[in-house]
Amino acid sequence: MKKSILTTIVLSLVGYASFAFAPVDTNKVSHNVKVIASPVLDIQMTSTDDVEMEFATSTDYDNGVEKTSAAELKVKATKSWQVTVSTTATNFDAVDNANDTELAAADLKVRKNGTTAYKAITSGDAIATGNKGGHTGNRVFSIDYKLDPGYFAEDTYTVPVTFTVSNQ
């Protein structure tokens, strides 16, 4: 029994000594690299110029006016996304204040170019969806507008339109 204990102590000391007095490798150093990936949902409009829709003839009032490729949107995202359209207005603003209720904002429709279904700008519906990535593929697209309110008072009208990118 004494011999076994003594053997254990000797082997432990030899193991410690070989570790404690081993040569240190000074040719190498190392560390970990930590990556912190934050979420990105970014939308850009290539041109923020006003979109003009002119009602010049009775045919325009009868059939409405469509403006295709009115603006281009670009999305960058680290996750699946959707673009919605909205406005803060109930009606278009008229230069002549007496006409502010002539043209409802809901009459203006928008869609992703190349699709068939128009959505009212007051609906808050998604007009486009996609997956993560940069400004390539389905993350770059044009939008179309359609306005078909029938006959309304002569004036110049404007309405703010906002495009928002969010998680899908």
Protein backbone atom coordinates (compact mmCIF):
# COMPACT_ATOMS: atom_id res chain seq x y z
CA MET A 1 0.00 0.00 0.00
CA LYS A 2 2.84 2.40 0.90
CA LYS A 3 4.54 1.46 -2.34
CA SER A 4 1.37 2.26 -4.33
CA ILE A 5 0.95 5.66 -2.68
CA LEU A 6 4.61 6.47 -3.17
CA THR A 7 4.40 5.46 -6.86
CA THR A 8 1.34 7.69 -7.35
CA ILE A 9 3.09 10.68 -5.75
CA VAL A 10 6.23 10.17 -7.86
CA LEU A 11 4.24 9.88 -11.10
CA SER A 12 2.24 13.01 -10.24
CA LEU A 13 5.40 14.99 -9.58
CA VAL A 14 7.00 13.79 -12.82
CA GLY A 15 3.87 14.77 -14.79
CA TYR A 16 3.77 18.21 -13.17
CA ALA A 17 7.48 18.78 -13.76
CA SER A 18 7.22 17.86 -17.45
CA PHE A 19 4.33 20.32 -17.86
CA ALA A 20 5.80 23.12 -15.72
CA PHE A 21 9.25 23.00 -17.26
CA ALA A 22 8.26 22.27 -20.86
CA PRO A 23 9.66 24.69 -23.43
CA VAL A 24 7.26 27.52 -24.33
CA ASP A 25 6.41 27.89 -28.03
CA THR A 26 6.96 31.62 -28.66
CA ASN A 27 6.49 31.34 -32.43
CA LYS A 28 2.69 31.33 -32.20
CA VAL A 29 -0.10 33.36 -30.67
CA SER A 30 -3.82 33.12 -31.23
CA HIS A 31 -7.21 34.63 -30.41
CA ASN A 32 -10.84 34.27 -31.41
CA VAL A 33 -12.62 36.53 -33.89
CA LYS A 34 -16.10 37.51 -32.81
CA VAL A 35 -18.62 38.58 -35.47
CA ILE A 36 -21.57 40.75 -34.43
CA ALA A 37 -24.15 40.80 -37.23
CA SER A 38 -26.85 43.41 -36.75
CA PRO A 39 -30.13 43.31 -38.68
CA VAL A 40 -30.36 45.44 -41.82
CA LEU A 41 -33.56 46.53 -43.57
CA ASP A 42 -32.74 49.34 -46.00
CA ILE A 43 -34.86 50.83 -48.78
CA GLN A 44 -33.81 53.45 -51.30
CA MET A 45 -35.63 55.23 -54.10
CA THR A 46 -33.40 56.05 -57.06
CA SER A 47 -35.30 59.25 -57.82
CA THR A 48 -37.42 61.26 -55.43
CA ASP A 49 -38.79 63.56 -58.13
CA ASP A 50 -42.55 64.09 -58.03
CA VAL A 51 -44.56 61.74 -60.24
CA GLU A 52 -46.96 63.63 -62.49
CA MET A 53 -50.20 62.10 -63.72
CA GLU A 54 -51.95 64.40 -66.16
CA PHE A 55 -55.67 64.27 -66.90
CA ALA A 56 -55.75 66.18 -70.18
CA THR A 57 -58.66 64.62 -72.11
CA SER A 58 -62.08 63.20 -71.43
CA THR A 59 -60.61 59.76 -72.19
CA ASP A 60 -58.23 60.22 -69.24
CA TYR A 61 -61.20 60.97 -66.94
CA ASP A 62 -63.19 58.05 -68.39
CA ASN A 63 -60.40 55.43 -68.23
CA GLY A 64 -57.98 56.80 -65.67
CA VAL A 65 -54.26 57.44 -66.06
CA GLU A 66 -51.48 54.92 -65.54
CA LYS A 67 -47.81 55.76 -64.94
CA THR A 68 -45.54 52.72 -65.36
CA SER A 69 -42.01 52.57 -63.97
CA ALA A 70 -42.74 55.77 -62.06
CA ALA A 71 -39.91 55.15 -59.59
CA GLU A 72 -37.35 52.47 -58.77
CA LEU A 73 -36.96 50.96 -55.31
CA LYS A 74 -33.91 49.09 -54.00
CA VAL A 75 -33.90 46.90 -50.89
CA LYS A 76 -30.97 45.57 -48.85
CA ALA A 77 -31.80 43.12 -46.06
CA THR A 78 -30.36 40.45 -43.79
CA LYS A 79 -33.69 38.61 -43.64
CA SER A 80 -36.89 38.08 -45.62
CA TRP A 81 -38.68 41.39 -46.18
CA GLN A 82 -41.78 43.08 -47.52
CA VAL A 83 -42.39 46.57 -48.89
CA THR A 84 -45.66 48.25 -47.99
CA VAL A 85 -47.11 51.48 -49.29
CA SER A 86 -49.04 54.06 -47.28
CA THR A 87 -50.06 57.68 -46.97
CA THR A 88 -50.93 59.91 -44.05
CA ALA A 89 -53.60 61.71 -46.07
CA THR A 90 -57.27 60.96 -46.54
CA ASN A 91 -57.48 63.14 -49.64
CA PHE A 92 -55.11 64.70 -52.13
CA ASP A 93 -54.20 68.29 -51.25
CA ALA A 94 -55.39 70.81 -53.83
CA VAL A 95 -53.72 74.11 -54.67
CA ASP A 96 -57.19 75.65 -54.45
CA ASN A 97 -58.22 74.69 -50.89
CA ALA A 98 -61.87 74.52 -51.89
CA ASN A 99 -61.07 71.30 -53.79
CA ASP A 100 -59.34 69.35 -50.97
CA THR A 101 -62.15 66.77 -50.82
CA GLU A 102 -62.43 66.22 -54.58
CA LEU A 103 -59.86 63.44 -54.88
CA ALA A 104 -59.58 60.64 -52.31
CA ALA A 105 -56.11 59.25 -51.58
CA ALA A 106 -57.58 55.73 -51.79
CA ASP A 107 -58.18 56.33 -55.51
CA LEU A 108 -54.43 56.17 -56.15
CA LYS A 109 -53.29 52.58 -56.70
CA VAL A 110 -49.75 51.20 -56.80
CA ARG A 111 -48.10 47.91 -57.77
CA LYS A 112 -44.71 46.38 -58.35
CA ASN A 113 -43.97 46.67 -62.08
CA GLY A 114 -44.63 43.37 -63.83
CA THR A 115 -47.40 42.28 -61.48
CA THR A 116 -51.11 42.60 -62.18
CA ALA A 117 -52.74 43.57 -58.89
CA TYR A 118 -52.87 47.24 -57.95
CA LYS A 119 -53.30 48.13 -54.26
CA ALA A 120 -54.66 51.35 -52.79
CA ILE A 121 -51.99 53.48 -51.13
CA THR A 122 -54.25 53.62 -48.07
CA SER A 123 -54.36 49.83 -47.68
CA GLY A 124 -50.96 49.29 -46.07
CA ASP A 125 -50.68 46.06 -48.12
CA ALA A 126 -47.37 44.58 -49.23
CA ILE A 127 -46.56 45.32 -52.86
CA ALA A 128 -43.28 43.36 -52.94
CA THR A 129 -41.50 40.65 -50.93
CA GLY A 130 -38.06 39.11 -51.07
CA ASN A 131 -35.17 37.38 -49.35
CA LYS A 132 -31.94 38.64 -47.83
CA GLY A 133 -29.29 40.20 -50.01
CA GLY A 134 -28.09 43.42 -51.60
CA HIS A 135 -29.28 45.50 -54.53
CA THR A 136 -29.63 42.65 -57.02
CA GLY A 137 -32.39 40.47 -58.45
CA ASN A 138 -35.89 40.92 -57.03
CA ARG A 139 -34.56 43.46 -54.53
CA VAL A 140 -34.50 46.11 -57.29
CA PHE A 141 -37.86 46.90 -58.89
CA SER A 142 -39.97 49.66 -60.38
CA ILE A 143 -43.42 50.73 -59.27
CA ASP A 144 -46.48 51.66 -61.30
CA TYR A 145 -49.31 54.01 -60.36
CA LYS A 146 -52.91 54.07 -61.56
CA LEU A 147 -55.48 56.76 -60.84
CA ASP A 148 -59.07 56.24 -62.01
CA PRO A 149 -61.35 58.43 -59.88
CA GLY A 150 -63.75 59.50 -62.61
CA TYR A 151 -64.41 63.20 -63.05
CA PHE A 152 -63.11 65.65 -60.43
CA ALA A 153 -62.59 69.40 -60.15
CA GLU A 154 -59.88 71.07 -62.17
CA ASP A 155 -56.85 71.78 -59.94
CA THR A 156 -53.34 70.56 -59.16
CA TYR A 157 -53.32 67.85 -56.49
CA THR A 158 -50.61 66.16 -54.42
CA VAL A 159 -50.50 63.34 -51.90
CA PRO A 160 -47.51 61.96 -49.93
CA VAL A 161 -46.71 58.31 -50.64
CA THR A 162 -44.41 56.33 -48.32
CA PHE A 163 -42.75 53.00 -49.00
CA THR A 164 -41.63 51.01 -45.94
CA VAL A 165 -39.50 47.87 -45.76
CA SER A 166 -40.09 45.52 -42.81
CA ASN A 167 -39.72 41.88 -41.78
CA GLN A 168 -41.86 39.50 -43.73
